[in-house]
Amino acid sequence: MRHSKKKTGDAPLPDQDAMGSADDYAPGASQGDGQSGEPAFSDSAASGADSATAGADSATADDATSETETNRPGSDVAAERDKYLRLAAEYDNYRKRSAKERQDAGTRAQADLVRNLVEALDDVARFAHVDPASTDAGTIVQGVDMVEKKLLKALGNAGLEVINPVGETFDPALHEAVATEPTSAREDDHVVSRVYQPGYLFKSQLLRPARVVVKQWNG
């Protein structure tokens, strides 16, 4: 039995230009714009990576600046507080030192005054223990007068002044009038005639006013 074959014509080949060359299908061939061997998205990806890196750097710089600005006020406050504490400590030491120096100066001044009074105190002790039966009154009076002069000298060297204004015009800042007495002379008006009790000044500071009698002219 003989099989018959159907004779067919040759199929037409596709146009070479329409199909493209073989290089277009080679590995690395462009699947996008057909002009470059690199993928079409490579440039945009690189641009995005650069943008992300720049953003990260900017964020890091912003964080550092923010951290510096946040820490700066605290450090300034701490520095000012430390400065204040140092000044307060220095002032406290100065105050204590000044108080001690004043106290020491006062103690030295008192010691000098007492040192000048020691001899007068010895004289008083000697007269306090005399035998009245064997000592006449004149001797005792002379001894007391000597002690008074010695005391006044020692106190005068320390700055004491005695106010004894007999014959002077009455001064209410230094004198205290305890009585008045008439006078016939107009020029003697308000003149101190007698001193009941002398006053004392210590280095221009009034310790006690002089108690006096003042003359008064009635016209």
N, C-alpha and C. Protein backbone atom coordinates (compact mmCIF):
# COMPACT_ATOMS: atom_id res chain seq x y z
N MET A 1 0.87 -1.16 0.00
CA MET A 1 0.00 0.00 0.00
C MET A 1 0.89 1.19 0.00
N ARG A 2 0.67 2.05 -0.82
CA ARG A 2 1.56 3.22 -1.03
C ARG A 2 0.83 4.41 -0.49
N HIS A 3 1.60 5.02 0.46
CA HIS A 3 1.05 6.26 1.03
C HIS A 3 1.39 7.40 0.16
N SER A 4 0.44 8.23 0.04
CA SER A 4 0.69 9.40 -0.81
C SER A 4 1.05 10.59 0.07
N LYS A 5 2.02 11.37 -0.28
CA LYS A 5 2.45 12.57 0.45
C LYS A 5 1.88 13.78 -0.22
N LYS A 6 1.37 14.66 0.68
CA LYS A 6 0.80 15.89 0.16
C LYS A 6 1.90 16.89 0.00
N LYS A 7 2.04 17.41 -1.09
CA LYS A 7 3.12 18.32 -1.41
C LYS A 7 2.69 19.70 -1.00
N THR A 8 3.51 20.25 -0.18
CA THR A 8 3.22 21.62 0.30
C THR A 8 4.28 22.56 -0.18
N GLY A 9 3.92 23.81 -0.28
CA GLY A 9 4.88 24.82 -0.71
C GLY A 9 5.77 25.28 0.44
N ASP A 10 6.90 25.89 0.10
CA ASP A 10 7.82 26.40 1.14
C ASP A 10 7.20 27.59 1.86
N ALA A 11 7.26 27.57 3.24
CA ALA A 11 6.70 28.70 4.05
C ALA A 11 7.61 29.90 3.94
N PRO A 12 7.09 31.08 3.85
CA PRO A 12 7.93 32.30 3.72
C PRO A 12 8.67 32.59 5.02
N LEU A 13 9.95 33.01 4.91
CA LEU A 13 10.78 33.36 6.08
C LEU A 13 10.47 34.78 6.55
N PRO A 14 10.54 35.02 7.86
CA PRO A 14 10.27 36.40 8.35
C PRO A 14 11.35 37.33 7.90
N ASP A 15 10.97 38.61 7.81
CA ASP A 15 11.91 39.66 7.36
C ASP A 15 12.98 39.85 8.41
N GLN A 16 14.23 39.89 7.97
CA GLN A 16 15.37 40.00 8.91
C GLN A 16 15.34 41.30 9.65
N ASP A 17 14.94 42.34 8.93
CA ASP A 17 14.92 43.66 9.60
C ASP A 17 13.86 43.71 10.66
N ALA A 18 12.74 43.04 10.42
CA ALA A 18 11.65 43.06 11.40
C ALA A 18 12.03 42.30 12.63
N MET A 19 12.79 41.24 12.48
CA MET A 19 13.15 40.43 13.63
C MET A 19 14.30 41.03 14.40
N GLY A 20 15.10 41.77 13.80
CA GLY A 20 16.27 42.32 14.48
C GLY A 20 17.43 41.39 14.36
N SER A 21 18.58 41.94 14.72
CA SER A 21 19.79 41.13 14.63
C SER A 21 19.96 40.27 15.85
N ALA A 22 20.88 39.37 15.78
CA ALA A 22 21.12 38.44 16.91
C ALA A 22 21.74 39.15 18.09
N ASP A 23 22.42 40.26 17.81
CA ASP A 23 23.05 41.00 18.93
C ASP A 23 22.01 41.59 19.87
N ASP A 24 20.79 41.78 19.29
CA ASP A 24 19.76 42.37 20.17
C ASP A 24 19.33 41.39 21.24
N TYR A 25 19.55 40.13 21.01
CA TYR A 25 19.12 39.14 22.01
C TYR A 25 20.29 38.60 22.81
N ALA A 26 21.45 39.22 22.64
CA ALA A 26 22.63 38.75 23.40
C ALA A 26 22.51 39.21 24.83
N PRO A 27 23.20 38.48 25.75
CA PRO A 27 23.16 38.89 27.18
C PRO A 27 23.69 40.29 27.32
N GLY A 28 23.04 41.11 28.18
CA GLY A 28 23.47 42.49 28.40
C GLY A 28 22.85 43.45 27.44
N ALA A 29 22.07 42.91 26.46
CA ALA A 29 21.44 43.80 25.50
C ALA A 29 20.37 44.59 26.17
N SER A 30 20.15 45.82 25.72
CA SER A 30 19.18 46.72 26.35
C SER A 30 17.79 46.21 26.10
N GLN A 31 17.00 46.17 27.20
CA GLN A 31 15.61 45.79 27.08
C GLN A 31 14.70 47.00 27.19
N GLY A 32 15.38 48.18 27.24
CA GLY A 32 14.56 49.38 27.42
C GLY A 32 14.59 50.25 26.21
N ASP A 33 15.59 51.15 26.18
CA ASP A 33 15.60 52.14 25.11
C ASP A 33 16.37 51.68 23.91
N GLY A 34 17.09 50.52 23.97
CA GLY A 34 17.80 49.99 22.81
C GLY A 34 19.03 50.74 22.48
N GLN A 35 19.52 51.74 23.34
CA GLN A 35 20.68 52.56 23.02
C GLN A 35 21.88 52.20 23.88
N SER A 36 21.70 51.52 25.01
CA SER A 36 22.82 51.25 25.93
C SER A 36 22.76 49.82 26.39
N GLY A 37 23.93 49.34 26.79
CA GLY A 37 23.99 47.97 27.30
C GLY A 37 23.61 47.89 28.76
N GLU A 38 23.47 49.02 29.46
CA GLU A 38 23.11 49.02 30.89
C GLU A 38 21.60 48.97 31.03
N PRO A 39 21.09 48.45 32.14
CA PRO A 39 19.64 48.44 32.35
C PRO A 39 19.12 49.85 32.39
N ALA A 40 17.88 50.03 32.02
CA ALA A 40 17.29 51.36 31.93
C ALA A 40 17.14 52.01 33.29
N PHE A 41 17.04 51.22 34.40
CA PHE A 41 16.78 51.81 35.73
C PHE A 41 18.05 52.12 36.48
N SER A 42 19.24 51.94 35.93
CA SER A 42 20.49 52.09 36.67
C SER A 42 20.71 53.53 37.10
N ASP A 43 20.43 54.52 36.24
CA ASP A 43 20.66 55.92 36.58
C ASP A 43 19.73 56.38 37.69
N SER A 44 18.47 56.05 37.61
CA SER A 44 17.52 56.48 38.65
C SER A 44 17.83 55.83 39.98
N ALA A 45 18.30 54.56 39.96
CA ALA A 45 18.65 53.89 41.22
C ALA A 45 19.83 54.57 41.87
N ALA A 46 20.83 54.92 41.05
CA ALA A 46 22.02 55.60 41.61
C ALA A 46 21.64 56.94 42.18
N SER A 47 20.75 57.67 41.47
CA SER A 47 20.31 58.97 41.97
C SER A 47 19.57 58.84 43.28
N GLY A 48 18.75 57.82 43.42
CA GLY A 48 18.02 57.59 44.67
C GLY A 48 18.96 57.27 45.81
N ALA A 49 20.01 56.47 45.52
CA ALA A 49 20.98 56.12 46.57
C ALA A 49 21.71 57.35 47.05
N ASP A 50 22.12 58.21 46.10
CA ASP A 50 22.81 59.45 46.50
C ASP A 50 21.91 60.33 47.34
N SER A 51 20.64 60.43 46.96
CA SER A 51 19.69 61.25 47.72
C SER A 51 19.51 60.71 49.12
N ALA A 52 19.44 59.36 49.24
CA ALA A 52 19.27 58.76 50.57
C ALA A 52 20.48 59.02 51.45
N THR A 53 21.70 58.93 50.83
CA THR A 53 22.93 59.18 51.60
C THR A 53 22.99 60.62 52.08
N ALA A 54 22.62 61.54 51.17
CA ALA A 54 22.62 62.96 51.55
C ALA A 54 21.61 63.22 52.65
N GLY A 55 20.45 62.58 52.57
CA GLY A 55 19.44 62.75 53.62
C GLY A 55 19.91 62.24 54.95
N ALA A 56 20.62 61.08 54.92
CA ALA A 56 21.13 60.51 56.18
C ALA A 56 22.17 61.43 56.79
N ASP A 57 23.08 61.97 55.92
CA ASP A 57 24.10 62.90 56.44
C ASP A 57 23.46 64.14 57.03
N SER A 58 22.45 64.68 56.35
CA SER A 58 21.77 65.87 56.86
C SER A 58 21.09 65.60 58.19
N ALA A 59 20.45 64.41 58.30
CA ALA A 59 19.79 64.05 59.56
C ALA A 59 20.79 63.92 60.68
N THR A 60 21.97 63.31 60.37
CA THR A 60 23.02 63.16 61.40
C THR A 60 23.52 64.53 61.86
N ALA A 61 23.73 65.45 60.89
CA ALA A 61 24.19 66.80 61.25
C ALA A 61 23.15 67.53 62.08
N ASP A 62 21.86 67.37 61.68
CA ASP A 62 20.80 68.01 62.46
C ASP A 62 20.75 67.47 63.87
N ASP A 63 20.91 66.15 64.02
CA ASP A 63 20.90 65.54 65.35
C ASP A 63 22.05 66.06 66.20
N ALA A 64 23.26 66.17 65.57
CA ALA A 64 24.42 66.66 66.32
C ALA A 64 24.21 68.09 66.76
N THR A 65 23.67 68.94 65.84
CA THR A 65 23.41 70.34 66.19
C THR A 65 22.38 70.45 67.29
N SER A 66 21.32 69.63 67.15
CA SER A 66 20.27 69.65 68.18
C SER A 66 20.82 69.21 69.52
N GLU A 67 21.68 68.19 69.50
CA GLU A 67 22.26 67.71 70.76
C GLU A 67 23.17 68.77 71.38
N THR A 68 23.94 69.48 70.53
CA THR A 68 24.82 70.54 71.04
C THR A 68 24.00 71.67 71.65
N GLU A 69 22.94 72.07 70.94
CA GLU A 69 22.10 73.14 71.46
C GLU A 69 21.38 72.72 72.73
N THR A 70 21.06 71.44 72.83
CA THR A 70 20.38 70.96 74.04
C THR A 70 21.33 70.92 75.23
N ASN A 71 22.58 70.52 75.00
CA ASN A 71 23.54 70.38 76.10
C ASN A 71 24.14 71.71 76.52
N ARG A 72 24.21 72.70 75.62
CA ARG A 72 24.88 73.95 75.92
C ARG A 72 24.25 74.71 77.09
N PRO A 73 22.91 74.90 77.15
CA PRO A 73 22.34 75.61 78.30
C PRO A 73 22.63 74.93 79.62
N GLY A 74 22.58 73.62 79.65
CA GLY A 74 22.87 72.91 80.89
C GLY A 74 24.31 73.12 81.34
N SER A 75 25.25 73.08 80.42
CA SER A 75 26.65 73.29 80.78
C SER A 75 26.89 74.72 81.23
N ASP A 76 26.21 75.70 80.59
CA ASP A 76 26.35 77.08 81.01
C ASP A 76 25.81 77.28 82.42
N VAL A 77 24.68 76.70 82.72
CA VAL A 77 24.10 76.81 84.06
C VAL A 77 25.03 76.18 85.10
N ALA A 78 25.60 75.04 84.77
CA ALA A 78 26.52 74.38 85.69
C ALA A 78 27.75 75.23 85.94
N ALA A 79 28.26 75.86 84.88
CA ALA A 79 29.45 76.72 85.03
C ALA A 79 29.13 77.94 85.88
N GLU A 80 27.97 78.55 85.64
CA GLU A 80 27.59 79.72 86.44
C GLU A 80 27.34 79.33 87.90
N ARG A 81 26.76 78.17 88.11
CA ARG A 81 26.52 77.71 89.49
C ARG A 81 27.84 77.46 90.21
N ASP A 82 28.79 76.85 89.50
CA ASP A 82 30.10 76.62 90.09
C ASP A 82 30.80 77.94 90.42
N LYS A 83 30.68 78.91 89.50
CA LYS A 83 31.27 80.23 89.75
C LYS A 83 30.63 80.90 90.95
N TYR A 84 29.30 80.80 91.07
CA TYR A 84 28.59 81.39 92.20
C TYR A 84 29.02 80.75 93.52
N LEU A 85 29.14 79.43 93.53
CA LEU A 85 29.54 78.74 94.75
C LEU A 85 30.96 79.12 95.16
N ARG A 86 31.84 79.28 94.19
CA ARG A 86 33.21 79.69 94.49
C ARG A 86 33.23 81.10 95.09
N LEU A 87 32.48 82.02 94.50
CA LEU A 87 32.42 83.38 95.02
C LEU A 87 31.82 83.42 96.41
N ALA A 88 30.77 82.62 96.63
CA ALA A 88 30.14 82.58 97.95
C ALA A 88 31.12 82.05 99.00
N ALA A 89 31.88 81.03 98.63
CA ALA A 89 32.86 80.47 99.58
C ALA A 89 33.97 81.49 99.87
N GLU A 90 34.43 82.19 98.82
CA GLU A 90 35.46 83.20 99.04
C GLU A 90 34.96 84.33 99.93
N TYR A 91 33.72 84.78 99.70
CA TYR A 91 33.16 85.85 100.53
C TYR A 91 32.99 85.40 101.98
N ASP A 92 32.55 84.17 102.17
CA ASP A 92 32.38 83.66 103.53
C ASP A 92 33.72 83.59 104.25
N ASN A 93 34.76 83.15 103.55
CA ASN A 93 36.10 83.12 104.16
C ASN A 93 36.58 84.52 104.48
N TYR A 94 36.32 85.48 103.56
CA TYR A 94 36.71 86.87 103.80
C TYR A 94 35.99 87.44 105.02
N ARG A 95 34.69 87.15 105.13
CA ARG A 95 33.91 87.66 106.26
C ARG A 95 34.43 87.11 107.58
N LYS A 96 34.71 85.82 107.60
CA LYS A 96 35.23 85.22 108.83
C LYS A 96 36.61 85.77 109.18
N ARG A 97 37.45 85.93 108.14
CA ARG A 97 38.80 86.46 108.38
C ARG A 97 38.75 87.90 108.89
N SER A 98 37.84 88.71 108.31
CA SER A 98 37.71 90.10 108.74
C SER A 98 37.20 90.19 110.18
N ALA A 99 36.23 89.35 110.51
CA ALA A 99 35.70 89.34 111.88
C ALA A 99 36.79 88.95 112.88
N LYS A 100 37.60 87.97 112.53
CA LYS A 100 38.68 87.54 113.42
C LYS A 100 39.73 88.64 113.57
N GLU A 101 40.04 89.33 112.46
CA GLU A 101 41.02 90.41 112.53
C GLU A 101 40.51 91.55 113.40
N ARG A 102 39.22 91.90 113.28
CA ARG A 102 38.65 92.95 114.14
C ARG A 102 38.68 92.53 115.60
N GLN A 103 38.35 91.27 115.87
CA GLN A 103 38.37 90.79 117.24
C GLN A 103 39.79 90.82 117.81
N ASP A 104 40.75 90.40 117.00
CA ASP A 104 42.14 90.41 117.46
C ASP A 104 42.63 91.83 117.70
N ALA A 105 42.23 92.76 116.82
CA ALA A 105 42.64 94.17 117.00
C ALA A 105 42.03 94.74 118.28
N GLY A 106 40.76 94.43 118.53
CA GLY A 106 40.13 94.90 119.78
C GLY A 106 40.80 94.31 121.01
N THR A 107 41.16 93.04 120.92
CA THR A 107 41.83 92.41 122.06
C THR A 107 43.19 93.05 122.33
N ARG A 108 43.94 93.33 121.27
CA ARG A 108 45.25 93.98 121.44
C ARG A 108 45.10 95.38 122.04
N ALA A 109 44.08 96.13 121.58
CA ALA A 109 43.87 97.48 122.12
C ALA A 109 43.49 97.42 123.60
N GLN A 110 42.64 96.49 123.97
CA GLN A 110 42.27 96.34 125.38
C GLN A 110 43.47 95.93 126.22
N ALA A 111 44.30 95.05 125.67
CA ALA A 111 45.49 94.63 126.41
C ALA A 111 46.44 95.80 126.64
N ASP A 112 46.60 96.66 125.61
CA ASP A 112 47.46 97.83 125.79
C ASP A 112 46.92 98.76 126.86
N LEU A 113 45.61 98.97 126.89
CA LEU A 113 45.01 99.84 127.90
C LEU A 113 45.19 99.26 129.31
N VAL A 114 44.93 97.97 129.45
CA VAL A 114 45.09 97.34 130.76
C VAL A 114 46.54 97.40 131.22
N ARG A 115 47.47 97.23 130.28
CA ARG A 115 48.90 97.29 130.61
C ARG A 115 49.27 98.65 131.20
N ASN A 116 48.66 99.71 130.67
CA ASN A 116 48.94 101.05 131.18
C ASN A 116 48.29 101.31 132.54
N LEU A 117 47.28 100.53 132.87
CA LEU A 117 46.58 100.72 134.15
C LEU A 117 47.14 99.86 135.27
N VAL A 118 48.02 98.95 134.95
CA VAL A 118 48.53 98.03 135.96
C VAL A 118 49.29 98.77 137.07
N GLU A 119 50.11 99.75 136.70
CA GLU A 119 50.88 100.46 137.71
C GLU A 119 49.97 101.26 138.65
N ALA A 120 48.96 101.92 138.07
CA ALA A 120 48.00 102.64 138.91
C ALA A 120 47.25 101.67 139.83
N LEU A 121 46.95 100.49 139.34
CA LEU A 121 46.29 99.48 140.18
C LEU A 121 47.18 99.05 141.32
N ASP A 122 48.48 98.95 141.09
CA ASP A 122 49.43 98.61 142.16
C ASP A 122 49.43 99.69 143.24
N ASP A 123 49.37 100.97 142.81
CA ASP A 123 49.34 102.07 143.79
C ASP A 123 48.07 102.02 144.63
N VAL A 124 46.95 101.74 143.99
CA VAL A 124 45.69 101.64 144.73
C VAL A 124 45.76 100.51 145.74
N ALA A 125 46.36 99.39 145.37
CA ALA A 125 46.47 98.25 146.29
C ALA A 125 47.35 98.61 147.49
N ARG A 126 48.41 99.38 147.27
CA ARG A 126 49.27 99.76 148.39
C ARG A 126 48.54 100.67 149.37
N PHE A 127 47.76 101.64 148.85
CA PHE A 127 47.04 102.54 149.75
C PHE A 127 45.84 101.86 150.40
N ALA A 128 45.33 100.83 149.80
CA ALA A 128 44.20 100.12 150.40
C ALA A 128 44.63 99.30 151.61
N HIS A 129 45.92 99.03 151.75
CA HIS A 129 46.39 98.18 152.83
C HIS A 129 47.30 98.92 153.82
N VAL A 130 47.21 100.26 153.84
CA VAL A 130 48.02 101.01 154.81
C VAL A 130 47.38 100.90 156.20
N ASP A 131 48.21 101.14 157.19
CA ASP A 131 47.72 101.11 158.57
C ASP A 131 47.26 102.51 158.93
N PRO A 132 45.94 102.72 159.12
CA PRO A 132 45.46 104.08 159.42
C PRO A 132 46.04 104.65 160.71
N ALA A 133 46.42 103.77 161.62
CA ALA A 133 46.94 104.27 162.91
C ALA A 133 48.32 104.88 162.75
N SER A 134 49.06 104.43 161.78
CA SER A 134 50.44 104.92 161.60
C SER A 134 50.60 105.83 160.39
N THR A 135 49.50 106.13 159.67
CA THR A 135 49.57 106.95 158.46
C THR A 135 48.65 108.14 158.62
N ASP A 136 49.17 109.34 158.40
CA ASP A 136 48.35 110.54 158.54
C ASP A 136 47.50 110.75 157.30
N ALA A 137 46.48 111.55 157.43
CA ALA A 137 45.52 111.79 156.34
C ALA A 137 46.19 112.49 155.17
N GLY A 138 47.15 113.38 155.43
CA GLY A 138 47.82 114.10 154.36
C GLY A 138 48.55 113.16 153.41
N THR A 139 49.17 112.16 153.97
CA THR A 139 49.89 111.18 153.14
C THR A 139 48.92 110.41 152.25
N ILE A 140 47.79 110.05 152.81
CA ILE A 140 46.80 109.30 152.02
C ILE A 140 46.25 110.17 150.89
N VAL A 141 45.97 111.45 151.20
CA VAL A 141 45.46 112.33 150.15
C VAL A 141 46.48 112.50 149.03
N GLN A 142 47.74 112.68 149.39
CA GLN A 142 48.77 112.80 148.36
C GLN A 142 48.88 111.53 147.51
N GLY A 143 48.74 110.39 148.17
CA GLY A 143 48.81 109.14 147.42
C GLY A 143 47.66 108.97 146.45
N VAL A 144 46.45 109.33 146.91
CA VAL A 144 45.28 109.23 146.03
C VAL A 144 45.40 110.19 144.85
N ASP A 145 45.91 111.40 145.12
CA ASP A 145 46.10 112.37 144.03
C ASP A 145 47.10 111.83 143.00
N MET A 146 48.15 111.19 143.49
CA MET A 146 49.15 110.60 142.59
C MET A 146 48.52 109.50 141.72
N VAL A 147 47.68 108.67 142.33
CA VAL A 147 47.04 107.59 141.57
C VAL A 147 46.09 108.18 140.51
N GLU A 148 45.36 109.24 140.86
CA GLU A 148 44.45 109.87 139.91
C GLU A 148 45.20 110.40 138.69
N LYS A 149 46.32 111.07 138.96
CA LYS A 149 47.10 111.61 137.84
C LYS A 149 47.65 110.49 136.96
N LYS A 150 48.05 109.42 137.57
CA LYS A 150 48.59 108.31 136.79
C LYS A 150 47.50 107.67 135.94
N LEU A 151 46.32 107.54 136.51
CA LEU A 151 45.20 106.97 135.75
C LEU A 151 44.82 107.88 134.58
N LEU A 152 44.73 109.19 134.85
CA LEU A 152 44.36 110.12 133.79
C LEU A 152 45.40 110.13 132.68
N LYS A 153 46.67 109.98 133.07
CA LYS A 153 47.71 109.94 132.05
C LYS A 153 47.59 108.69 131.18
N ALA A 154 47.36 107.55 131.81
CA ALA A 154 47.24 106.30 131.06
C ALA A 154 46.01 106.33 130.15
N LEU A 155 44.89 106.82 130.68
CA LEU A 155 43.67 106.88 129.88
C LEU A 155 43.78 107.95 128.79
N GLY A 156 44.48 109.04 129.10
CA GLY A 156 44.69 110.08 128.10
C GLY A 156 45.52 109.57 126.93
N ASN A 157 46.52 108.76 127.22
CA ASN A 157 47.32 108.17 126.14
C ASN A 157 46.48 107.23 125.27
N ALA A 158 45.43 106.66 125.88
CA ALA A 158 44.56 105.76 125.12
C ALA A 158 43.51 106.51 124.32
N GLY A 159 43.35 107.84 124.56
CA GLY A 159 42.39 108.63 123.79
C GLY A 159 41.28 109.26 124.60
N LEU A 160 41.38 109.24 125.92
CA LEU A 160 40.33 109.81 126.77
C LEU A 160 40.57 111.31 126.97
N GLU A 161 39.48 112.09 126.89
CA GLU A 161 39.52 113.52 127.15
C GLU A 161 38.52 113.85 128.26
N VAL A 162 38.95 114.70 129.17
CA VAL A 162 38.08 115.12 130.26
C VAL A 162 37.39 116.43 129.87
N ILE A 163 36.09 116.49 130.09
CA ILE A 163 35.30 117.70 129.79
C ILE A 163 35.08 118.43 131.12
N ASN A 164 35.73 119.55 131.28
CA ASN A 164 35.59 120.37 132.49
C ASN A 164 35.41 121.83 132.05
N PRO A 165 34.17 122.20 131.67
CA PRO A 165 33.94 123.47 130.94
C PRO A 165 33.65 124.69 131.83
N VAL A 166 34.31 124.84 132.93
CA VAL A 166 34.08 126.02 133.77
C VAL A 166 34.51 127.27 133.01
N GLY A 167 33.62 128.27 132.96
CA GLY A 167 33.90 129.52 132.26
C GLY A 167 33.65 129.45 130.75
N GLU A 168 33.21 128.33 130.23
CA GLU A 168 32.92 128.20 128.80
C GLU A 168 31.42 128.36 128.53
N THR A 169 31.09 128.69 127.31
CA THR A 169 29.69 128.80 126.91
C THR A 169 29.05 127.41 126.92
N PHE A 170 27.83 127.37 127.40
CA PHE A 170 27.12 126.09 127.49
C PHE A 170 26.93 125.49 126.11
N ASP A 171 27.30 124.20 125.98
CA ASP A 171 27.17 123.45 124.71
C ASP A 171 26.28 122.24 124.98
N PRO A 172 25.05 122.25 124.47
CA PRO A 172 24.14 121.12 124.75
C PRO A 172 24.64 119.79 124.18
N ALA A 173 25.57 119.81 123.23
CA ALA A 173 26.10 118.57 122.67
C ALA A 173 27.09 117.90 123.63
N LEU A 174 27.68 118.69 124.55
CA LEU A 174 28.70 118.15 125.45
C LEU A 174 28.34 118.35 126.92
N HIS A 175 27.40 119.24 127.20
CA HIS A 175 27.08 119.58 128.60
C HIS A 175 25.63 119.25 128.92
N GLU A 176 25.39 118.98 130.17
CA GLU A 176 24.03 118.75 130.66
C GLU A 176 23.80 119.71 131.83
N ALA A 177 22.85 120.62 131.64
CA ALA A 177 22.56 121.62 132.68
C ALA A 177 21.68 120.98 133.76
N VAL A 178 22.21 120.97 134.97
CA VAL A 178 21.43 120.41 136.10
C VAL A 178 20.82 121.52 136.94
N ALA A 179 21.30 122.76 136.74
CA ALA A 179 20.77 123.90 137.49
C ALA A 179 21.21 125.19 136.81
N THR A 180 20.55 126.29 137.16
CA THR A 180 20.94 127.61 136.67
C THR A 180 21.10 128.54 137.87
N GLU A 181 21.86 129.61 137.67
CA GLU A 181 22.01 130.64 138.68
C GLU A 181 22.01 132.00 138.00
N PRO A 182 21.43 132.99 138.64
CA PRO A 182 21.32 134.31 137.99
C PRO A 182 22.67 135.01 137.89
N THR A 183 22.78 135.88 136.93
CA THR A 183 23.97 136.69 136.75
C THR A 183 23.54 138.11 136.38
N SER A 184 24.31 139.08 136.83
CA SER A 184 24.00 140.48 136.53
C SER A 184 24.69 140.96 135.26
N ALA A 185 25.61 140.20 134.74
CA ALA A 185 26.34 140.60 133.53
C ALA A 185 25.74 139.89 132.32
N ARG A 186 25.43 140.69 131.33
CA ARG A 186 24.82 140.12 130.13
C ARG A 186 25.78 139.19 129.40
N GLU A 187 27.06 139.52 129.43
CA GLU A 187 28.04 138.69 128.72
C GLU A 187 28.24 137.32 129.39
N ASP A 188 27.77 137.17 130.63
CA ASP A 188 27.90 135.86 131.30
C ASP A 188 26.69 134.96 131.09
N ASP A 189 25.73 135.42 130.28
CA ASP A 189 24.54 134.61 130.04
C ASP A 189 24.93 133.32 129.30
N HIS A 190 24.43 132.21 129.81
CA HIS A 190 24.69 130.87 129.24
C HIS A 190 26.16 130.47 129.36
N VAL A 191 26.82 130.91 130.39
CA VAL A 191 28.19 130.51 130.67
C VAL A 191 28.18 129.54 131.85
N VAL A 192 28.99 128.50 131.76
CA VAL A 192 29.06 127.48 132.81
C VAL A 192 29.79 128.08 134.03
N SER A 193 29.14 128.02 135.15
CA SER A 193 29.75 128.56 136.38
C SER A 193 30.38 127.47 137.23
N ARG A 194 29.78 126.28 137.25
CA ARG A 194 30.32 125.20 138.07
C ARG A 194 30.11 123.86 137.37
N VAL A 195 30.93 122.91 137.75
CA VAL A 195 30.84 121.56 137.20
C VAL A 195 30.56 120.60 138.34
N TYR A 196 29.40 119.98 138.31
CA TYR A 196 29.08 118.97 139.31
C TYR A 196 29.85 117.67 139.03
N GLN A 197 29.91 117.32 137.80
CA GLN A 197 30.53 116.06 137.41
C GLN A 197 31.17 116.23 136.03
N PRO A 198 32.47 115.99 135.88
CA PRO A 198 33.10 116.17 134.57
C PRO A 198 32.59 115.14 133.56
N GLY A 199 32.68 115.52 132.31
CA GLY A 199 32.31 114.60 131.24
C GLY A 199 33.54 113.99 130.60
N TYR A 200 33.31 113.04 129.71
CA TYR A 200 34.45 112.33 129.09
C TYR A 200 34.16 112.09 127.61
N LEU A 201 35.20 112.30 126.83
CA LEU A 201 35.21 111.96 125.40
C LEU A 201 36.27 110.92 125.16
N PHE A 202 35.94 109.92 124.37
CA PHE A 202 36.95 108.93 123.99
C PHE A 202 37.06 108.91 122.48
N LYS A 203 38.18 109.48 121.99
CA LYS A 203 38.41 109.58 120.55
C LYS A 203 37.21 110.18 119.83
N SER A 204 36.80 111.35 120.32
CA SER A 204 35.70 112.16 119.78
C SER A 204 34.32 111.53 120.00
N GLN A 205 34.24 110.45 120.72
CA GLN A 205 32.95 109.83 121.03
C GLN A 205 32.57 110.19 122.47
N LEU A 206 31.39 110.77 122.63
CA LEU A 206 30.95 111.21 123.95
C LEU A 206 30.58 110.02 124.82
N LEU A 207 31.32 109.87 125.92
CA LEU A 207 31.01 108.81 126.88
C LEU A 207 30.00 109.29 127.92
N ARG A 208 30.20 110.55 128.37
CA ARG A 208 29.28 111.12 129.36
C ARG A 208 29.36 112.64 129.27
N PRO A 209 28.22 113.32 129.21
CA PRO A 209 28.26 114.79 129.19
C PRO A 209 28.63 115.34 130.58
N ALA A 210 29.21 116.52 130.58
CA ALA A 210 29.54 117.17 131.85
C ALA A 210 28.27 117.74 132.47
N ARG A 211 28.03 117.48 133.72
CA ARG A 211 26.86 117.99 134.44
C ARG A 211 27.27 119.31 135.10
N VAL A 212 26.59 120.38 134.68
CA VAL A 212 27.06 121.73 135.03
C VAL A 212 25.92 122.60 135.53
N VAL A 213 26.35 123.74 136.11
CA VAL A 213 25.42 124.84 136.49
C VAL A 213 25.67 125.99 135.52
N VAL A 214 24.62 126.54 134.98
CA VAL A 214 24.73 127.55 133.93
C VAL A 214 24.22 128.90 134.46
N LYS A 215 24.97 129.96 134.13
CA LYS A 215 24.53 131.31 134.51
C LYS A 215 23.42 131.77 133.57
N GLN A 216 22.47 132.55 134.14
CA GLN A 216 21.35 133.03 133.33
C GLN A 216 21.11 134.51 133.64
N TRP A 217 21.15 135.32 132.58
CA TRP A 217 20.89 136.77 132.72
C TRP A 217 19.43 137.03 132.40
N ASN A 218 18.74 137.67 133.34
CA ASN A 218 17.30 137.91 133.18
C ASN A 218 17.00 139.29 132.66
N GLY A 219 18.01 140.13 132.46
CA GLY A 219 17.80 141.47 131.89
C GLY A 219 17.21 142.41 132.87
